[in-house]
Amino acid sequence: METIKTLIIGSGPAGYTAAIYAARANLKPVMYTGPEPGGQLMTTNDVENFPGYPDGIMGPHLMEDLKKQATRFGTDIRMGIATAVDFSIYPYIVTIDEEKRVIAESIIISTGASAKWLGIPSEKRLNGGGVSACAVCDGFFYRGREVAIVGGGDTACEEALYLSKLTTKVHMIVRKNQLRASKIMQERVKKTANIEIYYNADTEEILGDAEVTGVRIKDTITGLTQDIAVEGFFVAIGHKPNSDIFKGYIDMDEQGYIMTTPGSTKTNLEGIFACGDVQDKNFRQAITAAGTGCMAALEAERHLAAKELELAIQ
């Protein structure tokens, strides 16, 4: 069975940054990219808020740059999915693609979180053409325009308020007869003049050929439909952290986000660190993910150094 000094599970800004730091520290990192190499940014067109790119950069291009940088310093990047883990005894065992088992002396989990989507065909077809799951990432592109957002929880309210500062009007589509958000968030949304809420409303179709031109909603009580002219469509019905295979070993909150020590990427298990969106439900930005990737690599280095010292003493 292959023994890996530093195993990075998942790619994206967090994983690639961890790989860069780990490789430069001679930790011999091996990365298994997961089912979506590059993560959510692979479906993002223009990224304008990642430092170092004054003219912006395409999401896939940014991920390719990070991959090249990680490879340059010696990261062994492999296609493959971690399908099972055994964290009961150190060093840990990880199964790749349900077949290959590897031993890992340190593990950096950077599996990210996946946005929840409505599941309608036009949503997928127009993803990148006006459909987005991140208002903070893409709201800037709709300054002075009208947009729609789906969702009724705290995230949806936060993003609607953010969009209201950039756009002329935000059409908020809520499936139930009330918002699910906290009372203070509900009050803020309702007091914002350019946010219009549609209750008991289902999104039937996002309109447009190559770019979003509107949204068709259906009243769940009357059955009547109406078309709303918008140029951006934001989905804010939540994210699901990709953490299922770690359940039973790693401490998580009720939503499945991995819990880390405050100010650290340490999990409840020695030598296992979590970075990026799999442990961050508040910011979910590429730059914050990259920052925690750096932290995870530095902490993995300290862990391995301590283990080497223990062996030397023995």
C-alpha atoms as a PDB file:
ATOM      1  CA  MET A   1       0.000   0.000   0.000  1.00  0.00           C
ATOM      2  CA  GLU A   2       1.359   3.426  -0.974  1.00  0.00           C
ATOM      3  CA  THR A   3       2.281   5.755   1.881  1.00  0.00           C
ATOM      4  CA  ILE A   4       1.732   9.465   1.251  1.00  0.00           C
ATOM      5  CA  LYS A   5       3.298  12.144   3.414  1.00  0.00           C
ATOM      6  CA  THR A   6       0.654  14.791   2.673  1.00  0.00           C
ATOM      7  CA  LEU A   7      -2.603  13.809   1.000  1.00  0.00           C
ATOM      8  CA  ILE A   8      -4.808  16.593  -0.360  1.00  0.00           C
ATOM      9  CA  ILE A   9      -8.383  15.513  -1.035  1.00  0.00           C
ATOM     10  CA  GLY A  10     -10.075  17.847  -3.515  1.00  0.00           C
ATOM     11  CA  SER A  11      -8.906  20.696  -5.694  1.00  0.00           C
ATOM     12  CA  GLY A  12     -10.029  24.309  -6.123  1.00  0.00           C
ATOM     13  CA  PRO A  13      -8.413  27.434  -4.631  1.00  0.00           C
ATOM     14  CA  ALA A  14      -8.015  25.856  -1.184  1.00  0.00           C
ATOM     15  CA  GLY A  15      -6.548  22.580  -2.399  1.00  0.00           C
ATOM     16  CA  TYR A  16      -4.197  24.102  -4.955  1.00  0.00           C
ATOM     17  CA  THR A  17      -2.919  26.715  -2.501  1.00  0.00           C
ATOM     18  CA  ALA A  18      -2.337  24.012   0.090  1.00  0.00           C
ATOM     19  CA  ALA A  19      -0.460  22.039  -2.568  1.00  0.00           C
ATOM     20  CA  ILE A  20       1.768  25.009  -3.440  1.00  0.00           C
ATOM     21  CA  TYR A  21       2.775  25.565   0.194  1.00  0.00           C
ATOM     22  CA  ALA A  22       3.126  21.865   0.970  1.00  0.00           C
ATOM     23  CA  ALA A  23       5.289  21.212  -2.088  1.00  0.00           C
ATOM     24  CA  ARG A  24       7.556  24.159  -1.304  1.00  0.00           C
ATOM     25  CA  ALA A  25       7.988  22.758   2.214  1.00  0.00           C
ATOM     26  CA  ASN A  26       9.022  19.393   0.754  1.00  0.00           C
ATOM     27  CA  LEU A  27       5.966  17.624   2.153  1.00  0.00           C
ATOM     28  CA  LYS A  28       5.641  15.645  -1.110  1.00  0.00           C
ATOM     29  CA  PRO A  29       1.920  16.376  -1.530  1.00  0.00           C
ATOM     30  CA  VAL A  30      -0.307  14.085  -3.559  1.00  0.00           C
ATOM     31  CA  MET A  31      -3.623  15.597  -4.645  1.00  0.00           C
ATOM     32  CA  TYR A  32      -6.671  13.654  -5.755  1.00  0.00           C
ATOM     33  CA  THR A  33      -8.769  16.192  -7.620  1.00  0.00           C
ATOM     34  CA  GLY A  34     -12.233  14.826  -6.897  1.00  0.00           C
ATOM     35  CA  PRO A  35     -15.204  14.660  -9.294  1.00  0.00           C
ATOM     36  CA  GLU A  36     -14.984  18.349 -10.286  1.00  0.00           C
ATOM     37  CA  PRO A  37     -11.309  19.319 -10.721  1.00  0.00           C
ATOM     38  CA  GLY A  38     -11.019  23.009  -9.978  1.00  0.00           C
ATOM     39  CA  GLY A  39     -14.284  23.174  -8.049  1.00  0.00           C
ATOM     40  CA  GLN A  40     -17.050  25.748  -8.483  1.00  0.00           C
ATOM     41  CA  LEU A  41     -14.834  28.245 -10.293  1.00  0.00           C
ATOM     42  CA  MET A  42     -14.760  25.933 -13.306  1.00  0.00           C
ATOM     43  CA  THR A  43     -18.304  27.131 -14.056  1.00  0.00           C
ATOM     44  CA  THR A  44     -17.556  30.809 -13.376  1.00  0.00           C
ATOM     45  CA  ASN A  45     -16.872  33.082 -16.328  1.00  0.00           C
ATOM     46  CA  ASP A  46     -15.313  36.313 -15.078  1.00  0.00           C
ATOM     47  CA  VAL A  47     -13.517  36.469 -11.731  1.00  0.00           C
ATOM     48  CA  GLU A  48     -12.745  40.087 -10.891  1.00  0.00           C
ATOM     49  CA  ASN A  49     -12.178  39.939  -7.132  1.00  0.00           C
ATOM     50  CA  PHE A  50      -9.164  37.614  -6.934  1.00  0.00           C
ATOM     51  CA  PRO A  51      -6.030  39.700  -6.175  1.00  0.00           C
ATOM     52  CA  GLY A  52      -3.375  39.908  -8.855  1.00  0.00           C
ATOM     53  CA  TYR A  53      -5.674  40.018 -11.881  1.00  0.00           C
ATOM     54  CA  PRO A  54      -6.481  43.705 -12.495  1.00  0.00           C
ATOM     55  CA  ASP A  55      -8.410  42.923 -15.681  1.00  0.00           C
ATOM     56  CA  GLY A  56     -10.181  39.909 -14.243  1.00  0.00           C
ATOM     57  CA  ILE A  57      -9.723  36.284 -15.268  1.00  0.00           C
ATOM     58  CA  MET A  58     -11.908  33.401 -16.381  1.00  0.00           C
ATOM     59  CA  GLY A  59     -12.582  30.927 -13.578  1.00  0.00           C
ATOM     60  CA  PRO A  60     -11.174  27.892 -15.450  1.00  0.00           C
ATOM     61  CA  HIS A  61      -8.066  29.919 -16.403  1.00  0.00           C
ATOM     62  CA  LEU A  62      -7.479  30.872 -12.768  1.00  0.00           C
ATOM     63  CA  MET A  63      -7.744  27.235 -11.733  1.00  0.00           C
ATOM     64  CA  GLU A  64      -5.329  26.202 -14.486  1.00  0.00           C
ATOM     65  CA  ASP A  65      -2.826  28.824 -13.290  1.00  0.00           C
ATOM     66  CA  LEU A  66      -3.044  27.507  -9.726  1.00  0.00           C
ATOM     67  CA  LYS A  67      -2.690  23.934 -10.959  1.00  0.00           C
ATOM     68  CA  LYS A  68       0.431  24.815 -12.975  1.00  0.00           C
ATOM     69  CA  GLN A  69       1.939  26.557  -9.957  1.00  0.00           C
ATOM     70  CA  ALA A  70       1.280  23.563  -7.723  1.00  0.00           C
ATOM     71  CA  THR A  71       2.754  21.214 -10.326  1.00  0.00           C
ATOM     72  CA  ARG A  72       5.812  23.423 -10.791  1.00  0.00           C
ATOM     73  CA  PHE A  73       6.834  22.873  -7.173  1.00  0.00           C
ATOM     74  CA  GLY A  74       6.352  19.122  -7.361  1.00  0.00           C
ATOM     75  CA  THR A  75       2.752  18.350  -6.403  1.00  0.00           C
ATOM     76  CA  ASP A  76       1.634  14.964  -7.722  1.00  0.00           C
ATOM     77  CA  ILE A  77      -1.835  15.769  -9.085  1.00  0.00           C
ATOM     78  CA  ARG A  78      -3.973  12.735  -9.821  1.00  0.00           C
ATOM     79  CA  MET A  79      -7.458  12.278 -11.178  1.00  0.00           C
ATOM     80  CA  GLY A  80      -9.497  10.327  -8.685  1.00  0.00           C
ATOM     81  CA  ILE A  81     -12.172  10.483  -6.017  1.00  0.00           C
ATOM     82  CA  ALA A  82     -11.796   9.612  -2.350  1.00  0.00           C
ATOM     83  CA  THR A  83     -14.677   7.189  -1.820  1.00  0.00           C
ATOM     84  CA  ALA A  84     -14.027   5.911   1.710  1.00  0.00           C
ATOM     85  CA  VAL A  85     -11.815   6.619   4.710  1.00  0.00           C
ATOM     86  CA  ASP A  86     -10.636   4.822   7.812  1.00  0.00           C
ATOM     87  CA  PHE A  87      -9.538   7.381  10.379  1.00  0.00           C
ATOM     88  CA  SER A  88      -9.721   5.008  13.339  1.00  0.00           C
ATOM     89  CA  ILE A  89      -5.948   4.451  13.532  1.00  0.00           C
ATOM     90  CA  TYR A  90      -2.997   6.727  12.652  1.00  0.00           C
ATOM     91  CA  PRO A  91      -1.633   6.864   9.985  1.00  0.00           C
ATOM     92  CA  TYR A  92      -4.928   7.043   8.134  1.00  0.00           C
ATOM     93  CA  ILE A  93      -6.256   4.975   5.241  1.00  0.00           C
ATOM     94  CA  VAL A  94      -8.118   6.515   2.285  1.00  0.00           C
ATOM     95  CA  THR A  95      -9.741   4.553  -0.532  1.00  0.00           C
ATOM     96  CA  ILE A  96      -9.595   6.071  -4.023  1.00  0.00           C
ATOM     97  CA  ASP A  97     -12.209   5.222  -6.661  1.00  0.00           C
ATOM     98  CA  GLU A  98     -13.454   2.343  -4.478  1.00  0.00           C
ATOM     99  CA  GLU A  99     -10.331   0.330  -5.348  1.00  0.00           C
ATOM    100  CA  LYS A 100      -6.941   1.771  -4.422  1.00  0.00           C
ATOM    101  CA  ARG A 101      -6.068   2.254  -0.741  1.00  0.00           C
ATOM    102  CA  VAL A 102      -3.361   4.658   0.395  1.00  0.00           C
ATOM    103  CA  ILE A 103      -1.855   5.468   3.776  1.00  0.00           C
ATOM    104  CA  ALA A 104      -1.599   9.152   4.677  1.00  0.00           C
ATOM    105  CA  GLU A 105       0.570  10.697   7.391  1.00  0.00           C
ATOM    106  CA  SER A 106      -1.270  14.018   7.077  1.00  0.00           C
ATOM    107  CA  ILE A 107      -4.485  14.874   5.268  1.00  0.00           C
ATOM    108  CA  ILE A 108      -5.798  18.180   3.970  1.00  0.00           C
ATOM    109  CA  ILE A 109      -9.510  18.087   3.184  1.00  0.00           C
ATOM    110  CA  SER A 110     -10.461  20.635   0.529  1.00  0.00           C
ATOM    111  CA  THR A 111     -13.531  19.000  -0.979  1.00  0.00           C
ATOM    112  CA  GLY A 112     -15.551  22.223  -1.056  1.00  0.00           C
ATOM    113  CA  ALA A 113     -19.299  22.654  -1.071  1.00  0.00           C
ATOM    114  CA  SER A 114     -21.746  22.347  -3.922  1.00  0.00           C
ATOM    115  CA  ALA A 115     -24.421  24.933  -4.560  1.00  0.00           C
ATOM    116  CA  LYS A 116     -27.966  23.599  -4.469  1.00  0.00           C
ATOM    117  CA  TRP A 117     -29.782  24.220  -7.738  1.00  0.00           C
ATOM    118  CA  LEU A 118     -33.430  24.251  -8.746  1.00  0.00           C
ATOM    119  CA  GLY A 119     -32.931  21.460 -11.250  1.00  0.00           C
ATOM    120  CA  ILE A 120     -34.646  23.034 -14.251  1.00  0.00           C
ATOM    121  CA  PRO A 121     -33.052  22.696 -17.727  1.00  0.00           C
ATOM    122  CA  SER A 122     -32.829  26.445 -18.434  1.00  0.00           C
ATOM    123  CA  GLU A 123     -30.875  26.941 -15.209  1.00  0.00           C
ATOM    124  CA  LYS A 124     -28.115  24.645 -16.415  1.00  0.00           C
ATOM    125  CA  ARG A 125     -28.203  25.974 -19.968  1.00  0.00           C
ATOM    126  CA  LEU A 126     -27.779  29.590 -18.859  1.00  0.00           C
ATOM    127  CA  ASN A 127     -25.246  28.943 -16.116  1.00  0.00           C
ATOM    128  CA  GLY A 128     -22.532  31.480 -16.898  1.00  0.00           C
ATOM    129  CA  GLY A 129     -24.923  33.415 -19.098  1.00  0.00           C
ATOM    130  CA  GLY A 130     -26.660  35.246 -16.289  1.00  0.00           C
ATOM    131  CA  VAL A 131     -27.375  32.397 -13.875  1.00  0.00           C
ATOM    132  CA  SER A 132     -25.211  32.372 -10.749  1.00  0.00           C
ATOM    133  CA  ALA A 133     -25.138  30.911  -7.251  1.00  0.00           C
ATOM    134  CA  CYS A 134     -22.989  33.708  -5.799  1.00  0.00           C
ATOM    135  CA  ALA A 135     -24.200  37.299  -5.611  1.00  0.00           C
ATOM    136  CA  VAL A 136     -20.964  38.537  -4.049  1.00  0.00           C
ATOM    137  CA  CYS A 137     -18.990  36.968  -6.903  1.00  0.00           C
ATOM    138  CA  ASP A 138     -21.158  38.099  -9.812  1.00  0.00           C
ATOM    139  CA  GLY A 139     -23.419  40.896  -8.591  1.00  0.00           C
ATOM    140  CA  PHE A 140     -21.025  43.585  -9.857  1.00  0.00           C
ATOM    141  CA  PHE A 141     -21.805  42.627 -13.469  1.00  0.00           C
ATOM    142  CA  TYR A 142     -25.437  43.695 -13.008  1.00  0.00           C
ATOM    143  CA  ARG A 143     -24.951  47.217 -11.745  1.00  0.00           C
ATOM    144  CA  GLY A 144     -27.894  49.367 -12.781  1.00  0.00           C
ATOM    145  CA  ARG A 145     -29.952  46.402 -13.991  1.00  0.00           C
ATOM    146  CA  GLU A 146     -32.826  44.290 -12.690  1.00  0.00           C
ATOM    147  CA  VAL A 147     -32.162  40.828 -11.276  1.00  0.00           C
ATOM    148  CA  ALA A 148     -34.036  37.970  -9.634  1.00  0.00           C
ATOM    149  CA  ILE A 149     -33.020  35.820  -6.695  1.00  0.00           C
ATOM    150  CA  VAL A 150     -34.560  32.553  -5.473  1.00  0.00           C
ATOM    151  CA  GLY A 151     -34.643  31.618  -1.811  1.00  0.00           C
ATOM    152  CA  GLY A 152     -36.134  32.628   1.504  1.00  0.00           C
ATOM    153  CA  GLY A 153     -33.462  31.919   4.090  1.00  0.00           C
ATOM    154  CA  ASP A 154     -30.745  34.054   5.640  1.00  0.00           C
ATOM    155  CA  THR A 155     -28.371  33.535   2.719  1.00  0.00           C
ATOM    156  CA  ALA A 156     -30.999  34.604   0.208  1.00  0.00           C
ATOM    157  CA  CYS A 157     -31.828  37.693   2.272  1.00  0.00           C
ATOM    158  CA  GLU A 158     -28.171  38.636   2.663  1.00  0.00           C
ATOM    159  CA  GLU A 159     -27.569  38.278  -1.046  1.00  0.00           C
ATOM    160  CA  ALA A 160     -30.761  40.161  -1.929  1.00  0.00           C
ATOM    161  CA  LEU A 161     -29.634  43.054   0.270  1.00  0.00           C
ATOM    162  CA  TYR A 162     -26.184  42.983  -1.334  1.00  0.00           C
ATOM    163  CA  LEU A 163     -27.721  43.031  -4.819  1.00  0.00           C
ATOM    164  CA  SER A 164     -30.105  45.849  -3.859  1.00  0.00           C
ATOM    165  CA  LYS A 165     -27.096  48.152  -3.443  1.00  0.00           C
ATOM    166  CA  LEU A 166     -25.906  47.440  -6.973  1.00  0.00           C
ATOM    167  CA  THR A 167     -29.040  46.960  -9.027  1.00  0.00           C
ATOM    168  CA  THR A 168     -32.144  48.988  -9.759  1.00  0.00           C
ATOM    169  CA  LYS A 169     -34.468  46.225  -8.569  1.00  0.00           C
ATOM    170  CA  VAL A 170     -34.275  42.778  -7.010  1.00  0.00           C
ATOM    171  CA  HIS A 171     -37.166  40.373  -7.615  1.00  0.00           C
ATOM    172  CA  MET A 172     -37.104  37.879  -4.742  1.00  0.00           C
ATOM    173  CA  ILE A 173     -38.851  34.586  -5.483  1.00  0.00           C
ATOM    174  CA  VAL A 174     -39.960  32.683  -2.370  1.00  0.00           C
ATOM    175  CA  ARG A 175     -41.633  29.283  -2.633  1.00  0.00           C
ATOM    176  CA  LYS A 176     -43.426  29.480   0.717  1.00  0.00           C
ATOM    177  CA  ASN A 177     -45.829  32.074   2.073  1.00  0.00           C
ATOM    178  CA  GLN A 178     -43.151  33.634   4.255  1.00  0.00           C
ATOM    179  CA  LEU A 179     -39.399  34.082   4.549  1.00  0.00           C
ATOM    180  CA  ARG A 180     -37.438  31.500   6.566  1.00  0.00           C
ATOM    181  CA  ALA A 181     -34.711  33.958   7.519  1.00  0.00           C
ATOM    182  CA  SER A 182     -34.153  35.393  10.982  1.00  0.00           C
ATOM    183  CA  LYS A 183     -36.515  38.184  11.990  1.00  0.00           C
ATOM    184  CA  ILE A 184     -33.893  40.910  11.676  1.00  0.00           C
ATOM    185  CA  MET A 185     -32.988  39.788   8.140  1.00  0.00           C
ATOM    186  CA  GLN A 186     -36.649  39.654   7.163  1.00  0.00           C
ATOM    187  CA  GLU A 187     -37.183  43.198   8.413  1.00  0.00           C
ATOM    188  CA  ARG A 188     -34.182  44.513   6.499  1.00  0.00           C
ATOM    189  CA  VAL A 189     -35.362  42.943   3.261  1.00  0.00           C
ATOM    190  CA  LYS A 190     -38.932  44.169   3.661  1.00  0.00           C
ATOM    191  CA  LYS A 191     -37.743  47.706   4.385  1.00  0.00           C
ATOM    192  CA  THR A 192     -35.551  47.843   1.274  1.00  0.00           C
ATOM    193  CA  ALA A 193     -37.470  49.768  -1.370  1.00  0.00           C
ATOM    194  CA  ASN A 194     -36.030  48.099  -4.455  1.00  0.00           C
ATOM    195  CA  ILE A 195     -36.622  44.511  -3.288  1.00  0.00           C
ATOM    196  CA  GLU A 196     -39.971  43.043  -4.351  1.00  0.00           C
ATOM    197  CA  ILE A 197     -40.941  39.711  -2.803  1.00  0.00           C
ATOM    198  CA  TYR A 198     -43.087  37.120  -4.598  1.00  0.00           C
ATOM    199  CA  TYR A 199     -44.516  34.609  -2.129  1.00  0.00           C
ATOM    200  CA  ASN A 200     -45.916  31.169  -3.020  1.00  0.00           C
ATOM    201  CA  ALA A 201     -43.903  31.336  -6.221  1.00  0.00           C
ATOM    202  CA  ASP A 202     -42.162  28.585  -8.169  1.00  0.00           C
ATOM    203  CA  THR A 203     -39.572  29.253 -10.860  1.00  0.00           C
ATOM    204  CA  GLU A 204     -40.904  27.548 -14.002  1.00  0.00           C
ATOM    205  CA  GLU A 205     -38.279  28.704 -16.472  1.00  0.00           C
ATOM    206  CA  ILE A 206     -35.401  31.117 -16.883  1.00  0.00           C
ATOM    207  CA  LEU A 207     -35.880  32.956 -20.145  1.00  0.00           C
ATOM    208  CA  GLY A 208     -33.236  33.712 -22.746  1.00  0.00           C
ATOM    209  CA  ASP A 209     -31.181  31.987 -25.415  1.00  0.00           C
ATOM    210  CA  ALA A 210     -27.511  32.688 -24.674  1.00  0.00           C
ATOM    211  CA  GLU A 211     -28.127  35.182 -21.850  1.00  0.00           C
ATOM    212  CA  VAL A 212     -30.839  35.663 -19.255  1.00  0.00           C
ATOM    213  CA  THR A 213     -33.644  37.971 -20.358  1.00  0.00           C
ATOM    214  CA  GLY A 214     -36.259  37.095 -17.773  1.00  0.00           C
ATOM    215  CA  VAL A 215     -37.836  34.522 -15.496  1.00  0.00           C
ATOM    216  CA  ARG A 216     -41.231  32.841 -15.582  1.00  0.00           C
ATOM    217  CA  ILE A 217     -42.767  32.195 -12.167  1.00  0.00           C
ATOM    218  CA  LYS A 218     -45.906  30.322 -11.189  1.00  0.00           C
ATOM    219  CA  ASP A 219     -48.202  31.123  -8.284  1.00  0.00           C
ATOM    220  CA  THR A 220     -48.500  27.842  -6.357  1.00  0.00           C
ATOM    221  CA  ILE A 221     -51.997  28.765  -5.135  1.00  0.00           C
ATOM    222  CA  THR A 222     -53.702  30.157  -8.245  1.00  0.00           C
ATOM    223  CA  GLY A 223     -51.595  28.397 -10.865  1.00  0.00           C
ATOM    224  CA  LEU A 224     -51.154  31.650 -12.770  1.00  0.00           C
ATOM    225  CA  THR A 225     -47.811  32.434 -14.372  1.00  0.00           C
ATOM    226  CA  GLN A 226     -46.037  35.697 -15.073  1.00  0.00           C
ATOM    227  CA  ASP A 227     -42.857  36.694 -16.853  1.00  0.00           C
ATOM    228  CA  ILE A 228     -40.464  39.126 -15.170  1.00  0.00           C
ATOM    229  CA  ALA A 229     -37.800  40.884 -17.228  1.00  0.00           C
ATOM    230  CA  VAL A 230     -34.382  40.490 -15.559  1.00  0.00           C
ATOM    231  CA  GLU A 231     -30.801  40.208 -16.781  1.00  0.00           C
ATOM    232  CA  GLY A 232     -29.390  38.215 -13.881  1.00  0.00           C
ATOM    233  CA  PHE A 233     -30.765  35.224 -11.999  1.00  0.00           C
ATOM    234  CA  PHE A 234     -29.296  34.201  -8.639  1.00  0.00           C
ATOM    235  CA  VAL A 235     -29.966  30.919  -6.855  1.00  0.00           C
ATOM    236  CA  ALA A 236     -29.644  31.160  -3.079  1.00  0.00           C
ATOM    237  CA  ILE A 237     -31.263  28.006  -1.751  1.00  0.00           C
ATOM    238  CA  GLY A 238     -28.166  26.815   0.073  1.00  0.00           C
ATOM    239  CA  HIS A 239     -24.949  24.842  -0.293  1.00  0.00           C
ATOM    240  CA  LYS A 240     -24.106  21.261   0.610  1.00  0.00           C
ATOM    241  CA  PRO A 241     -20.597  20.655   1.961  1.00  0.00           C
ATOM    242  CA  ASN A 242     -18.923  17.675   0.313  1.00  0.00           C
ATOM    243  CA  SER A 243     -18.130  15.928   3.571  1.00  0.00           C
ATOM    244  CA  ASP A 244     -20.241  12.769   3.617  1.00  0.00           C
ATOM    245  CA  ILE A 245     -17.367  10.264   3.531  1.00  0.00           C
ATOM    246  CA  PHE A 246     -15.842  11.803   6.666  1.00  0.00           C
ATOM    247  CA  LYS A 247     -18.950  11.402   8.823  1.00  0.00           C
ATOM    248  CA  GLY A 248     -18.380   9.356  11.942  1.00  0.00           C
ATOM    249  CA  TYR A 249     -14.757  10.471  12.179  1.00  0.00           C
ATOM    250  CA  ILE A 250     -14.641  14.248  11.732  1.00  0.00           C
ATOM    251  CA  ASP A 251     -16.740  16.616  13.835  1.00  0.00           C
ATOM    252  CA  MET A 252     -19.304  18.540  11.782  1.00  0.00           C
ATOM    253  CA  ASP A 253     -22.179  20.900  12.388  1.00  0.00           C
ATOM    254  CA  GLU A 254     -25.787  20.000  11.652  1.00  0.00           C
ATOM    255  CA  GLN A 255     -25.370  21.020   7.994  1.00  0.00           C
ATOM    256  CA  GLY A 256     -22.311  18.878   7.436  1.00  0.00           C
ATOM    257  CA  TYR A 257     -19.686  21.630   7.507  1.00  0.00           C
ATOM    258  CA  ILE A 258     -16.439  20.390   9.060  1.00  0.00           C
ATOM    259  CA  MET A 259     -15.727  22.044  12.389  1.00  0.00           C
ATOM    260  CA  THR A 260     -12.218  23.404  12.833  1.00  0.00           C
ATOM    261  CA  THR A 261     -10.455  24.975  15.799  1.00  0.00           C
ATOM    262  CA  PRO A 262     -11.018  28.781  15.691  1.00  0.00           C
ATOM    263  CA  GLY A 263      -8.098  30.487  13.974  1.00  0.00           C
ATOM    264  CA  SER A 264      -6.906  27.150  12.635  1.00  0.00           C
ATOM    265  CA  THR A 265      -7.701  24.433  10.112  1.00  0.00           C
ATOM    266  CA  LYS A 266      -7.276  21.645  12.674  1.00  0.00           C
ATOM    267  CA  THR A 267     -10.086  19.130  12.971  1.00  0.00           C
ATOM    268  CA  ASN A 268     -10.773  16.903  15.963  1.00  0.00           C
ATOM    269  CA  LEU A 269      -8.281  14.347  14.595  1.00  0.00           C
ATOM    270  CA  GLU A 270      -4.529  14.770  14.775  1.00  0.00           C
ATOM    271  CA  GLY A 271      -2.947  15.397  11.391  1.00  0.00           C
ATOM    272  CA  ILE A 272      -6.214  16.052   9.554  1.00  0.00           C
ATOM    273  CA  PHE A 273      -6.931  19.599   8.423  1.00  0.00           C
ATOM    274  CA  ALA A 274      -9.891  21.135   6.573  1.00  0.00           C
ATOM    275  CA  CYS A 275      -9.820  24.225   4.387  1.00  0.00           C
ATOM    276  CA  GLY A 276     -12.043  26.080   1.946  1.00  0.00           C
ATOM    277  CA  ASP A 277     -15.790  25.848   1.571  1.00  0.00           C
ATOM    278  CA  VAL A 278     -16.103  22.437   3.242  1.00  0.00           C
ATOM    279  CA  GLN A 279     -15.469  24.240   6.563  1.00  0.00           C
ATOM    280  CA  ASP A 280     -16.555  27.795   5.671  1.00  0.00           C
ATOM    281  CA  LYS A 281     -20.272  28.548   5.382  1.00  0.00           C
ATOM    282  CA  ASN A 282     -19.911  32.280   5.934  1.00  0.00           C
ATOM    283  CA  PHE A 283     -17.640  33.707   3.229  1.00  0.00           C
ATOM    284  CA  ARG A 284     -17.353  31.070   0.462  1.00  0.00           C
ATOM    285  CA  GLN A 285     -14.924  33.147  -1.596  1.00  0.00           C
ATOM    286  CA  ALA A 286     -11.967  31.953  -3.657  1.00  0.00           C
ATOM    287  CA  ILE A 287      -9.545  34.221  -1.793  1.00  0.00           C
ATOM    288  CA  THR A 288     -10.661  33.086   1.675  1.00  0.00           C
ATOM    289  CA  ALA A 289     -10.482  29.459   0.520  1.00  0.00           C
ATOM    290  CA  ALA A 290      -6.927  30.055  -0.711  1.00  0.00           C
ATOM    291  CA  GLY A 291      -6.031  31.607   2.637  1.00  0.00           C
ATOM    292  CA  THR A 292      -7.213  28.585   4.594  1.00  0.00           C
ATOM    293  CA  GLY A 293      -5.394  26.329   2.119  1.00  0.00           C
ATOM    294  CA  CYS A 294      -2.167  28.099   3.074  1.00  0.00           C
ATOM    295  CA  MET A 295      -2.989  27.636   6.768  1.00  0.00           C
ATOM    296  CA  ALA A 296      -3.685  23.928   6.320  1.00  0.00           C
ATOM    297  CA  ALA A 297      -0.340  23.312   4.601  1.00  0.00           C
ATOM    298  CA  LEU A 298       1.576  25.179   7.302  1.00  0.00           C
ATOM    299  CA  GLU A 299      -0.205  23.239  10.028  1.00  0.00           C
ATOM    300  CA  ALA A 300       0.412  19.949   8.214  1.00  0.00           C
ATOM    301  CA  GLU A 301       4.110  20.838   8.085  1.00  0.00           C
ATOM    302  CA  ARG A 302       4.172  21.430  11.849  1.00  0.00           C
ATOM    303  CA  HIS A 303       2.325  18.176  12.475  1.00  0.00           C
ATOM    304  CA  LEU A 304       4.774  16.151  10.380  1.00  0.00           C
ATOM    305  CA  ALA A 305       7.761  17.851  12.019  1.00  0.00           C
ATOM    306  CA  ALA A 306       6.410  16.944  15.451  1.00  0.00           C
ATOM    307  CA  LYS A 307       5.916  13.330  14.360  1.00  0.00           C
ATOM    308  CA  GLU A 308       9.478  13.141  13.056  1.00  0.00           C
ATOM    309  CA  LEU A 309      10.751  14.511  16.383  1.00  0.00           C
ATOM    310  CA  GLU A 310       8.752  11.872  18.286  1.00  0.00           C
ATOM    311  CA  LEU A 311      10.336   9.118  16.208  1.00  0.00           C
ATOM    312  CA  ALA A 312      13.822  10.572  16.704  1.00  0.00           C
ATOM    313  CA  ILE A 313      13.344  10.638  20.489  1.00  0.00           C
ATOM    314  CA  GLN A 314      12.105   7.056  20.521  1.00  0.00           C
END
